[in-house]
Amino acid sequence: MVNQKVNKIAEIMHKAEQLVMKELKKNPGHDLLVAAGLMAVTRNLYIHALGPEEAQKIFAVMLDSFIVVDEIQYGMDHAAKPTIH
């Protein structure tokens, strides 16, 4: 059952990436517009499936994942400004 779900996720990801590449080939430089469209569709799917409150929790977890990746790549205090003591 888990493998079926993982395979379905991989299949959808592949289809979405193909659509994105096709769109960017037609409209170079529209990366952020395409990303915004995908994000809006994703948000709407989560709201429809889970409701607004649970969808907000999903997006909070996604935000946390960005923070974790940022910390892994750049260290905990890469944005901290140096101070003079």
N, C-alpha and C. Protein backbone atom coordinates (compact mmCIF):
# COMPACT_ATOMS: atom_id res chain seq x y z
N MET A 1 0.82 -1.20 0.00
CA MET A 1 0.00 0.00 0.00
C MET A 1 0.86 1.26 0.00
N VAL A 2 1.90 1.29 0.86
CA VAL A 2 2.78 2.45 0.92
C VAL A 2 3.49 2.64 -0.41
N ASN A 3 3.98 1.55 -0.99
CA ASN A 3 4.67 1.64 -2.27
C ASN A 3 3.76 2.20 -3.36
N GLN A 4 2.49 1.82 -3.34
CA GLN A 4 1.54 2.34 -4.32
C GLN A 4 1.39 3.86 -4.17
N LYS A 5 1.32 4.31 -2.94
CA LYS A 5 1.18 5.75 -2.70
C LYS A 5 2.44 6.50 -3.11
N VAL A 6 3.60 5.95 -2.78
CA VAL A 6 4.87 6.57 -3.16
C VAL A 6 4.99 6.61 -4.69
N ASN A 7 4.61 5.52 -5.34
CA ASN A 7 4.65 5.48 -6.80
C ASN A 7 3.69 6.50 -7.41
N LYS A 8 2.52 6.67 -6.82
CA LYS A 8 1.54 7.64 -7.32
C LYS A 8 2.09 9.06 -7.15
N ILE A 9 2.70 9.33 -6.00
CA ILE A 9 3.30 10.65 -5.77
C ILE A 9 4.39 10.91 -6.81
N ALA A 10 5.25 9.93 -7.04
CA ALA A 10 6.33 10.08 -8.03
C ALA A 10 5.76 10.31 -9.42
N GLU A 11 4.69 9.61 -9.76
CA GLU A 11 4.05 9.77 -11.07
C GLU A 11 3.50 11.19 -11.24
N ILE A 12 2.81 11.69 -10.21
CA ILE A 12 2.24 13.04 -10.28
C ILE A 12 3.35 14.08 -10.34
N MET A 13 4.41 13.88 -9.57
CA MET A 13 5.55 14.80 -9.61
C MET A 13 6.15 14.85 -11.01
N HIS A 14 6.30 13.69 -11.63
CA HIS A 14 6.87 13.62 -12.98
C HIS A 14 5.98 14.36 -13.97
N LYS A 15 4.68 14.14 -13.89
CA LYS A 15 3.74 14.82 -14.79
C LYS A 15 3.78 16.34 -14.58
N ALA A 16 3.83 16.76 -13.31
CA ALA A 16 3.88 18.19 -13.01
C ALA A 16 5.17 18.81 -13.54
N GLU A 17 6.28 18.11 -13.36
CA GLU A 17 7.56 18.63 -13.86
C GLU A 17 7.55 18.74 -15.38
N GLN A 18 6.94 17.78 -16.05
CA GLN A 18 6.83 17.85 -17.52
C GLN A 18 6.01 19.07 -17.93
N LEU A 19 4.90 19.31 -17.23
CA LEU A 19 4.07 20.48 -17.52
C LEU A 19 4.85 21.77 -17.29
N VAL A 20 5.58 21.83 -16.19
CA VAL A 20 6.37 23.02 -15.87
C VAL A 20 7.43 23.26 -16.95
N MET A 21 8.16 22.23 -17.33
CA MET A 21 9.20 22.39 -18.35
C MET A 21 8.61 22.84 -19.68
N LYS A 22 7.46 22.29 -20.03
CA LYS A 22 6.77 22.68 -21.27
C LYS A 22 6.37 24.16 -21.20
N GLU A 23 5.82 24.56 -20.07
CA GLU A 23 5.40 25.96 -19.90
C GLU A 23 6.59 26.91 -19.93
N LEU A 24 7.68 26.53 -19.27
CA LEU A 24 8.86 27.40 -19.25
C LEU A 24 9.57 27.45 -20.59
N LYS A 25 9.44 26.40 -21.37
CA LYS A 25 10.01 26.41 -22.72
C LYS A 25 9.25 27.42 -23.59
N LYS A 26 7.93 27.48 -23.42
CA LYS A 26 7.11 28.44 -24.16
C LYS A 26 7.29 29.85 -23.63
N ASN A 27 7.51 29.98 -22.33
CA ASN A 27 7.58 31.29 -21.68
C ASN A 27 8.80 31.35 -20.76
N PRO A 28 9.99 31.46 -21.34
CA PRO A 28 11.20 31.52 -20.50
C PRO A 28 11.13 32.69 -19.52
N GLY A 29 11.65 32.46 -18.34
CA GLY A 29 11.68 33.53 -17.35
C GLY A 29 10.43 33.63 -16.50
N HIS A 30 9.47 32.77 -16.75
CA HIS A 30 8.23 32.81 -15.98
C HIS A 30 8.24 31.82 -14.81
N ASP A 31 9.41 31.51 -14.32
CA ASP A 31 9.56 30.51 -13.26
C ASP A 31 8.66 30.81 -12.06
N LEU A 32 8.71 32.03 -11.58
CA LEU A 32 7.95 32.38 -10.39
C LEU A 32 6.44 32.40 -10.65
N LEU A 33 6.04 32.76 -11.86
CA LEU A 33 4.62 32.72 -12.19
C LEU A 33 4.11 31.28 -12.22
N VAL A 34 4.90 30.40 -12.79
CA VAL A 34 4.53 28.98 -12.81
C VAL A 34 4.49 28.43 -11.39
N ALA A 35 5.49 28.78 -10.58
CA ALA A 35 5.52 28.32 -9.19
C ALA A 35 4.29 28.82 -8.43
N ALA A 36 3.91 30.07 -8.66
CA ALA A 36 2.73 30.64 -7.99
C ALA A 36 1.46 29.89 -8.41
N GLY A 37 1.37 29.55 -9.68
CA GLY A 37 0.21 28.79 -10.15
C GLY A 37 0.14 27.42 -9.50
N LEU A 38 1.29 26.75 -9.43
CA LEU A 38 1.34 25.43 -8.79
C LEU A 38 1.00 25.53 -7.31
N MET A 39 1.50 26.56 -6.66
CA MET A 39 1.23 26.74 -5.23
C MET A 39 -0.26 26.99 -5.00
N ALA A 40 -0.89 27.78 -5.86
CA ALA A 40 -2.32 28.05 -5.71
C ALA A 40 -3.14 26.78 -5.89
N VAL A 41 -2.77 25.97 -6.88
CA VAL A 41 -3.48 24.71 -7.09
C VAL A 41 -3.29 23.80 -5.89
N THR A 42 -2.06 23.72 -5.39
CA THR A 42 -1.76 22.88 -4.23
C THR A 42 -2.56 23.35 -3.02
N ARG A 43 -2.56 24.64 -2.78
CA ARG A 43 -3.32 25.20 -1.65
C ARG A 43 -4.80 24.84 -1.77
N ASN A 44 -5.36 25.01 -2.96
CA ASN A 44 -6.78 24.72 -3.16
C ASN A 44 -7.09 23.24 -2.94
N LEU A 45 -6.19 22.36 -3.39
CA LEU A 45 -6.40 20.92 -3.17
C LEU A 45 -6.40 20.59 -1.68
N TYR A 46 -5.46 21.15 -0.92
CA TYR A 46 -5.41 20.89 0.51
C TYR A 46 -6.64 21.45 1.21
N ILE A 47 -7.07 22.64 0.85
CA ILE A 47 -8.26 23.23 1.46
C ILE A 47 -9.49 22.38 1.16
N HIS A 48 -9.62 21.93 -0.08
CA HIS A 48 -10.76 21.10 -0.48
C HIS A 48 -10.76 19.76 0.27
N ALA A 49 -9.57 19.15 0.39
CA ALA A 49 -9.48 17.82 1.00
C ALA A 49 -9.52 17.85 2.53
N LEU A 50 -8.94 18.90 3.13
CA LEU A 50 -8.76 18.90 4.59
C LEU A 50 -9.49 20.02 5.31
N GLY A 51 -9.85 21.06 4.59
CA GLY A 51 -10.42 22.24 5.22
C GLY A 51 -9.32 23.25 5.51
N PRO A 52 -9.70 24.51 5.73
CA PRO A 52 -8.72 25.58 5.89
C PRO A 52 -7.76 25.40 7.07
N GLU A 53 -8.26 24.97 8.21
CA GLU A 53 -7.40 24.86 9.40
C GLU A 53 -6.32 23.80 9.21
N GLU A 54 -6.71 22.64 8.72
CA GLU A 54 -5.73 21.57 8.51
C GLU A 54 -4.77 21.92 7.37
N ALA A 55 -5.28 22.61 6.34
CA ALA A 55 -4.41 23.04 5.23
C ALA A 55 -3.34 24.00 5.75
N GLN A 56 -3.71 24.88 6.68
CA GLN A 56 -2.73 25.79 7.27
C GLN A 56 -1.63 25.03 7.99
N LYS A 57 -1.99 23.95 8.66
CA LYS A 57 -0.99 23.13 9.36
C LYS A 57 -0.02 22.50 8.35
N ILE A 58 -0.55 22.04 7.23
CA ILE A 58 0.30 21.44 6.19
C ILE A 58 1.31 22.48 5.70
N PHE A 59 0.84 23.69 5.42
CA PHE A 59 1.74 24.73 4.92
C PHE A 59 2.73 25.17 5.99
N ALA A 60 2.35 25.12 7.25
CA ALA A 60 3.29 25.44 8.33
C ALA A 60 4.42 24.41 8.36
N VAL A 61 4.08 23.14 8.16
CA VAL A 61 5.09 22.10 8.11
C VAL A 61 6.01 22.31 6.91
N MET A 62 5.43 22.71 5.77
CA MET A 62 6.26 22.98 4.58
C MET A 62 7.23 24.13 4.86
N LEU A 63 6.75 25.17 5.51
CA LEU A 63 7.61 26.30 5.87
C LEU A 63 8.75 25.84 6.76
N ASP A 64 8.42 25.01 7.73
CA ASP A 64 9.46 24.47 8.62
C ASP A 64 10.52 23.71 7.83
N SER A 65 10.09 22.99 6.79
CA SER A 65 11.06 22.23 5.99
C SER A 65 12.01 23.16 5.25
N PHE A 66 11.54 24.32 4.81
CA PHE A 66 12.43 25.30 4.18
C PHE A 66 13.46 25.80 5.18
N ILE A 67 13.01 26.05 6.40
CA ILE A 67 13.91 26.55 7.45
C ILE A 67 14.98 25.51 7.77
N VAL A 68 14.57 24.25 7.87
CA VAL A 68 15.52 23.18 8.18
C VAL A 68 16.56 23.06 7.08
N VAL A 69 16.12 23.06 5.83
CA VAL A 69 17.06 22.96 4.70
C VAL A 69 18.01 24.15 4.70
N ASP A 70 17.49 25.34 4.97
CA ASP A 70 18.32 26.53 5.03
C ASP A 70 19.38 26.39 6.11
N GLU A 71 18.99 25.89 7.28
CA GLU A 71 19.94 25.72 8.38
C GLU A 71 20.99 24.67 8.04
N ILE A 72 20.58 23.61 7.37
CA ILE A 72 21.53 22.57 6.98
C ILE A 72 22.54 23.12 5.97
N GLN A 73 22.04 23.86 4.99
CA GLN A 73 22.92 24.38 3.94
C GLN A 73 23.83 25.50 4.43
N TYR A 74 23.30 26.40 5.23
CA TYR A 74 24.03 27.62 5.55
C TYR A 74 24.43 27.76 7.02
N GLY A 75 24.01 26.86 7.85
CA GLY A 75 24.30 26.97 9.27
C GLY A 75 23.21 27.74 9.98
N MET A 76 23.25 27.66 11.28
CA MET A 76 22.17 28.23 12.09
C MET A 76 22.07 29.75 11.98
N ASP A 77 23.20 30.45 11.95
CA ASP A 77 23.17 31.90 12.05
C ASP A 77 23.73 32.60 10.81
N HIS A 78 23.46 32.05 9.63
CA HIS A 78 24.06 32.66 8.44
C HIS A 78 23.53 34.06 8.17
N ALA A 79 22.32 34.36 8.62
CA ALA A 79 21.75 35.68 8.37
C ALA A 79 22.04 36.66 9.50
N ALA A 80 22.60 36.17 10.59
CA ALA A 80 22.87 37.05 11.73
C ALA A 80 23.97 38.04 11.38
N LYS A 81 23.74 39.27 11.75
CA LYS A 81 24.73 40.32 11.50
C LYS A 81 25.78 40.29 12.61
N PRO A 82 27.04 40.45 12.25
CA PRO A 82 28.07 40.46 13.28
C PRO A 82 27.91 41.69 14.18
N THR A 83 28.24 41.53 15.43
CA THR A 83 28.17 42.65 16.36
C THR A 83 29.58 42.99 16.85
N ILE A 84 29.75 44.22 17.25
CA ILE A 84 31.01 44.67 17.79
C ILE A 84 30.86 44.71 19.30
N HIS A 85 31.74 44.03 20.00
CA HIS A 85 31.69 43.99 21.46
C HIS A 85 32.80 44.80 22.06
